[in-house]
C-alpha atoms as a PDB file:
ATOM      1  CA  UNK A   1      17.715 -14.335 -13.099  1.00  0.00           C
ATOM      2  CA  UNK A   2      14.302 -12.471 -13.667  1.00  0.00           C
ATOM      3  CA  UNK A   3      13.864 -12.488  -9.912  1.00  0.00           C
ATOM      4  CA  UNK A   4      17.305 -11.083  -8.908  1.00  0.00           C
ATOM      5  CA  UNK A   5      16.432  -7.926 -11.628  1.00  0.00           C
ATOM      6  CA  UNK A   6      13.111  -7.791  -9.548  1.00  0.00           C
ATOM      7  CA  UNK A   7      15.477  -7.319  -6.131  1.00  0.00           C
ATOM      8  CA  UNK A   8      17.631  -5.128  -7.873  1.00  0.00           C
ATOM      9  CA  UNK A   9      14.891  -2.855  -9.254  1.00  0.00           C
ATOM     10  CA  UNK A  10      12.796  -2.957  -6.584  1.00  0.00           C
ATOM     11  CA  UNK A  11      13.678   0.057  -4.379  1.00  0.00           C
ATOM     12  CA  UNK A  12      13.741   2.561  -7.277  1.00  0.00           C
ATOM     13  CA  UNK A  13      10.474   1.537  -8.470  1.00  0.00           C
ATOM     14  CA  UNK A  14       8.784   1.426  -5.554  1.00  0.00           C
ATOM     15  CA  UNK A  15      10.469   4.791  -4.490  1.00  0.00           C
ATOM     16  CA  UNK A  16       8.950   6.301  -7.481  1.00  0.00           C
ATOM     17  CA  UNK A  17       5.827   4.633  -6.958  1.00  0.00           C
ATOM     18  CA  UNK A  18       5.529   6.037  -3.476  1.00  0.00           C
ATOM     19  CA  UNK A  19       6.351   9.438  -5.063  1.00  0.00           C
ATOM     20  CA  UNK A  20       3.557   9.262  -7.687  1.00  0.00           C
ATOM     21  CA  UNK A  21       1.133   8.023  -4.826  1.00  0.00           C
ATOM     22  CA  UNK A  22       1.445  11.448  -3.072  1.00  0.00           C
ATOM     23  CA  UNK A  23       0.516  13.437  -6.139  1.00  0.00           C
ATOM     24  CA  UNK A  24      -2.228  11.037  -7.020  1.00  0.00           C
ATOM     25  CA  UNK A  25      -3.627  11.274  -3.658  1.00  0.00           C
ATOM     26  CA  UNK A  26      -3.641  15.328  -3.342  1.00  0.00           C
ATOM     27  CA  UNK A  27      -5.085  15.212  -7.235  1.00  0.00           C
ATOM     28  CA  UNK A  28      -8.060  12.892  -6.191  1.00  0.00           C
ATOM     29  CA  UNK A  29      -8.634  14.731  -2.600  1.00  0.00           C
ATOM     30  CA  UNK A  30      -8.641  18.226  -4.794  1.00  0.00           C
ATOM     31  CA  UNK A  31     -11.152  16.860  -6.852  1.00  0.00           C
ATOM     32  CA  UNK A  32     -13.545  15.967  -4.053  1.00  0.00           C
ATOM     33  CA  UNK A  33     -13.638  19.524  -3.074  1.00  0.00           C
ATOM     34  CA  UNK A  34     -12.313  19.030   0.633  1.00  0.00           C
ATOM     35  CA  UNK A  35     -15.427  16.511   1.248  1.00  0.00           C
ATOM     36  CA  UNK A  36     -12.935  13.453   1.715  1.00  0.00           C
ATOM     37  CA  UNK A  37      -9.479  12.784   2.140  1.00  0.00           C
ATOM     38  CA  UNK A  38      -8.281   9.758  -0.041  1.00  0.00           C
ATOM     39  CA  UNK A  39      -4.900   8.049  -0.288  1.00  0.00           C
ATOM     40  CA  UNK A  40      -3.773   6.032  -3.296  1.00  0.00           C
ATOM     41  CA  UNK A  41      -2.074   3.015  -2.437  1.00  0.00           C
ATOM     42  CA  UNK A  42      -0.060   1.802  -5.435  1.00  0.00           C
ATOM     43  CA  UNK A  43       2.669   0.474  -3.012  1.00  0.00           C
ATOM     44  CA  UNK A  44       0.725  -1.965  -1.804  1.00  0.00           C
ATOM     45  CA  UNK A  45      -0.448  -3.121  -4.858  1.00  0.00           C
ATOM     46  CA  UNK A  46       3.134  -3.512  -6.214  1.00  0.00           C
ATOM     47  CA  UNK A  47       3.838  -4.974  -2.987  1.00  0.00           C
ATOM     48  CA  UNK A  48       0.626  -8.063  -3.721  1.00  0.00           C
ATOM     49  CA  UNK A  49       2.615  -8.752  -6.583  1.00  0.00           C
ATOM     50  CA  UNK A  50       6.484  -8.248  -5.408  1.00  0.00           C
ATOM     51  CA  UNK A  51       5.324 -11.092  -2.557  1.00  0.00           C
ATOM     52  CA  UNK A  52       5.556 -13.722  -5.483  1.00  0.00           C
ATOM     53  CA  UNK A  53       9.019 -12.934  -6.152  1.00  0.00           C
ATOM     54  CA  UNK A  54      11.076 -11.440  -3.534  1.00  0.00           C
ATOM     55  CA  UNK A  55      12.270 -12.815  -0.353  1.00  0.00           C
ATOM     56  CA  UNK A  56      10.673 -11.601   3.082  1.00  0.00           C
ATOM     57  CA  UNK A  57      13.881 -10.180   4.512  1.00  0.00           C
ATOM     58  CA  UNK A  58      14.716  -8.279   1.413  1.00  0.00           C
ATOM     59  CA  UNK A  59      11.385  -7.038   1.451  1.00  0.00           C
ATOM     60  CA  UNK A  60      11.040  -6.132   4.922  1.00  0.00           C
ATOM     61  CA  UNK A  61      14.181  -3.833   5.042  1.00  0.00           C
ATOM     62  CA  UNK A  62      13.069  -2.325   1.424  1.00  0.00           C
ATOM     63  CA  UNK A  63       9.613  -1.284   2.997  1.00  0.00           C
ATOM     64  CA  UNK A  64      11.042  -0.173   6.378  1.00  0.00           C
ATOM     65  CA  UNK A  65      13.364   2.332   3.964  1.00  0.00           C
ATOM     66  CA  UNK A  66      10.065   3.300   2.161  1.00  0.00           C
ATOM     67  CA  UNK A  67       8.313   3.788   5.257  1.00  0.00           C
ATOM     68  CA  UNK A  68      10.827   6.224   6.505  1.00  0.00           C
ATOM     69  CA  UNK A  69      11.260   8.069   3.168  1.00  0.00           C
ATOM     70  CA  UNK A  70       6.886   8.300   3.617  1.00  0.00           C
ATOM     71  CA  UNK A  71       7.634   9.350   7.343  1.00  0.00           C
ATOM     72  CA  UNK A  72      10.141  11.948   6.665  1.00  0.00           C
ATOM     73  CA  UNK A  73       8.218  13.422   3.292  1.00  0.00           C
ATOM     74  CA  UNK A  74       4.452  13.408   4.468  1.00  0.00           C
ATOM     75  CA  UNK A  75       4.293  13.338   8.171  1.00  0.00           C
ATOM     76  CA  UNK A  76       7.396  15.182   9.502  1.00  0.00           C
ATOM     77  CA  UNK A  77       8.182  12.605  12.033  1.00  0.00           C
ATOM     78  CA  UNK A  78       9.886   9.133  12.169  1.00  0.00           C
ATOM     79  CA  UNK A  79       7.826   5.931  12.898  1.00  0.00           C
ATOM     80  CA  UNK A  80       4.158   5.809  11.874  1.00  0.00           C
ATOM     81  CA  UNK A  81       4.877   4.527   8.410  1.00  0.00           C
ATOM     82  CA  UNK A  82       8.259   2.925   9.281  1.00  0.00           C
ATOM     83  CA  UNK A  83       6.389   0.814  11.658  1.00  0.00           C
ATOM     84  CA  UNK A  84       3.185  -0.109   9.787  1.00  0.00           C
ATOM     85  CA  UNK A  85       4.458  -0.741   6.156  1.00  0.00           C
ATOM     86  CA  UNK A  86       6.651  -3.330   7.057  1.00  0.00           C
ATOM     87  CA  UNK A  87       3.834  -4.743   9.411  1.00  0.00           C
ATOM     88  CA  UNK A  88       1.237  -4.733   6.630  1.00  0.00           C
ATOM     89  CA  UNK A  89       4.021  -6.359   4.216  1.00  0.00           C
ATOM     90  CA  UNK A  90       4.592  -9.385   6.590  1.00  0.00           C
ATOM     91  CA  UNK A  91       0.626  -9.990   6.458  1.00  0.00           C
ATOM     92  CA  UNK A  92       0.455  -9.707   2.736  1.00  0.00           C
ATOM     93  CA  UNK A  93       3.191 -12.617   2.810  1.00  0.00           C
ATOM     94  CA  UNK A  94       1.306 -14.338   5.644  1.00  0.00           C
ATOM     95  CA  UNK A  95      -1.591 -14.281   3.543  1.00  0.00           C
ATOM     96  CA  UNK A  96       0.167 -15.923   0.535  1.00  0.00           C
ATOM     97  CA  UNK A  97       1.399 -18.596   2.395  1.00  0.00           C
ATOM     98  CA  UNK A  98      -2.238 -20.196   2.331  1.00  0.00           C
ATOM     99  CA  UNK A  99      -3.612 -18.898  -0.715  1.00  0.00           C
ATOM    100  CA  UNK A 100      -2.763 -18.477  -4.164  1.00  0.00           C
ATOM    101  CA  UNK A 101      -2.021 -15.386  -6.289  1.00  0.00           C
ATOM    102  CA  UNK A 102      -5.597 -15.274  -8.087  1.00  0.00           C
ATOM    103  CA  UNK A 103      -7.169 -12.003  -8.871  1.00  0.00           C
ATOM    104  CA  UNK A 104      -9.808 -12.825  -6.064  1.00  0.00           C
ATOM    105  CA  UNK A 105      -7.721 -13.635  -3.519  1.00  0.00           C
ATOM    106  CA  UNK A 106      -5.083 -10.272  -4.460  1.00  0.00           C
ATOM    107  CA  UNK A 107      -8.151  -7.523  -4.435  1.00  0.00           C
ATOM    108  CA  UNK A 108      -9.015  -8.974  -1.005  1.00  0.00           C
ATOM    109  CA  UNK A 109      -5.503  -8.946   0.463  1.00  0.00           C
ATOM    110  CA  UNK A 110      -5.741  -5.737  -1.197  1.00  0.00           C
ATOM    111  CA  UNK A 111      -8.452  -4.448   0.853  1.00  0.00           C
ATOM    112  CA  UNK A 112      -7.375  -5.913   3.817  1.00  0.00           C
ATOM    113  CA  UNK A 113      -3.423  -4.199   3.933  1.00  0.00           C
ATOM    114  CA  UNK A 114      -5.336  -0.664   3.033  1.00  0.00           C
ATOM    115  CA  UNK A 115      -7.505  -1.158   5.838  1.00  0.00           C
ATOM    116  CA  UNK A 116      -4.624  -2.288   7.778  1.00  0.00           C
ATOM    117  CA  UNK A 117      -2.305   0.746   7.114  1.00  0.00           C
ATOM    118  CA  UNK A 118      -5.254   3.499   7.180  1.00  0.00           C
ATOM    119  CA  UNK A 119      -6.342   2.089  10.378  1.00  0.00           C
ATOM    120  CA  UNK A 120      -2.940   1.190  12.116  1.00  0.00           C
ATOM    121  CA  UNK A 121      -1.636   4.347  11.195  1.00  0.00           C
ATOM    122  CA  UNK A 122      -4.773   6.314  12.533  1.00  0.00           C
ATOM    123  CA  UNK A 123      -4.490   4.838  16.076  1.00  0.00           C
ATOM    124  CA  UNK A 124      -1.110   5.534  16.196  1.00  0.00           C
ATOM    125  CA  UNK A 125      -1.797   9.067  15.499  1.00  0.00           C
ATOM    126  CA  UNK A 126      -4.631   9.105  18.160  1.00  0.00           C
ATOM    127  CA  UNK A 127      -2.184   7.185  20.922  1.00  0.00           C
ATOM    128  CA  UNK A 128       0.555  10.106  20.278  1.00  0.00           C
ATOM    129  CA  UNK A 129      -1.950  12.747  20.075  1.00  0.00           C
ATOM    130  CA  UNK A 130      -0.931  13.765  16.223  1.00  0.00           C
ATOM    131  CA  UNK A 131      -4.915  13.787  15.711  1.00  0.00           C
ATOM    132  CA  UNK A 132      -8.441  13.993  17.309  1.00  0.00           C
ATOM    133  CA  UNK A 133     -10.338  12.754  14.409  1.00  0.00           C
ATOM    134  CA  UNK A 134     -13.162  10.710  15.757  1.00  0.00           C
ATOM    135  CA  UNK A 135     -13.243   7.072  14.700  1.00  0.00           C
ATOM    136  CA  UNK A 136     -16.463   7.805  12.549  1.00  0.00           C
ATOM    137  CA  UNK A 137     -15.093  11.020  10.680  1.00  0.00           C
ATOM    138  CA  UNK A 138     -12.020   9.117   9.700  1.00  0.00           C
ATOM    139  CA  UNK A 139     -14.220   5.519   8.334  1.00  0.00           C
ATOM    140  CA  UNK A 140     -16.523   7.858   6.386  1.00  0.00           C
ATOM    141  CA  UNK A 141     -14.679  10.672   5.153  1.00  0.00           C
ATOM    142  CA  UNK A 142     -10.547   8.867   5.025  1.00  0.00           C
ATOM    143  CA  UNK A 143     -10.803   5.001   5.183  1.00  0.00           C
ATOM    144  CA  UNK A 144     -13.770   4.009   2.705  1.00  0.00           C
ATOM    145  CA  UNK A 145     -13.459   6.504  -0.024  1.00  0.00           C
ATOM    146  CA  UNK A 146      -9.764   5.320  -0.157  1.00  0.00           C
ATOM    147  CA  UNK A 147     -10.822   1.691   0.068  1.00  0.00           C
ATOM    148  CA  UNK A 148     -13.261   2.513  -2.980  1.00  0.00           C
ATOM    149  CA  UNK A 149     -10.434   4.414  -5.104  1.00  0.00           C
ATOM    150  CA  UNK A 150      -7.999   2.300  -4.527  1.00  0.00           C
ATOM    151  CA  UNK A 151     -10.597  -0.674  -5.409  1.00  0.00           C
ATOM    152  CA  UNK A 152     -11.211   0.707  -8.386  1.00  0.00           C
ATOM    153  CA  UNK A 153      -7.715   1.655  -9.295  1.00  0.00           C
ATOM    154  CA  UNK A 154      -6.819  -2.131  -8.956  1.00  0.00           C
ATOM    155  CA  UNK A 155      -9.395  -3.056 -11.026  1.00  0.00           C
ATOM    156  CA  UNK A 156      -7.603  -1.192 -13.671  1.00  0.00           C
ATOM    157  CA  UNK A 157      -4.491  -1.507 -12.863  1.00  0.00           C
ATOM    158  CA  UNK A 158      -4.233  -5.451 -12.321  1.00  0.00           C
ATOM    159  CA  UNK A 159      -3.925  -6.667 -16.207  1.00  0.00           C
ATOM    160  CA  UNK A 160      -0.864  -4.151 -16.294  1.00  0.00           C
ATOM    161  CA  UNK A 161       0.692  -5.912 -12.996  1.00  0.00           C
ATOM    162  CA  UNK A 162       0.243  -9.155 -14.481  1.00  0.00           C
ATOM    163  CA  UNK A 163       1.804  -8.612 -17.280  1.00  0.00           C
ATOM    164  CA  UNK A 164       4.490  -6.879 -15.962  1.00  0.00           C
ATOM    165  CA  UNK A 165       5.095  -9.942 -13.547  1.00  0.00           C
ATOM    166  CA  UNK A 166       4.336 -12.734 -15.990  1.00  0.00           C
ATOM    167  CA  UNK A 167       1.414 -13.726 -14.259  1.00  0.00           C
ATOM    168  CA  UNK A 168      -1.592 -15.693 -16.087  1.00  0.00           C
ATOM    169  CA  UNK A 169      -4.499 -16.787 -15.381  1.00  0.00           C
ATOM    170  CA  UNK A 170      -4.427 -20.105 -17.348  1.00  0.00           C
ATOM    171  CA  UNK A 171      -4.756 -23.260 -15.202  1.00  0.00           C
END
């Protein structure tokens, strides 16, 4: 019953979180006074917890829709996030096939997922001549600050996510 409720409310919650991600990213980037471009990835944080409750096929469908919304809202072209978000989600499910959901594993999976999303998106942008940003500038001005920000955010929000999804650290 609980898994069915999670499936029903998955898209509206993730859609709201995607919109919130954009606002948080803009706010934090403005705080950095143009030195860094920081992206919030609350959607990927929730994907780590949804992976334990929702089937892969349904999740891929939802994240393809979210990628489409992301592309239309933020990039004004369709394809980059529509391809990248389901790919990252599939990797999250792949990691959970051989690992149990624990705090340390969740942090590692989050870092890998953010790296995948950011680097694959950057690679697509380079391939399709959307950007001419060098890899060095991308890594130090976008990727590294985003990883650090999301790591701190995950440390703060992980107890809340565990409480919402009913996960305990008892053995």
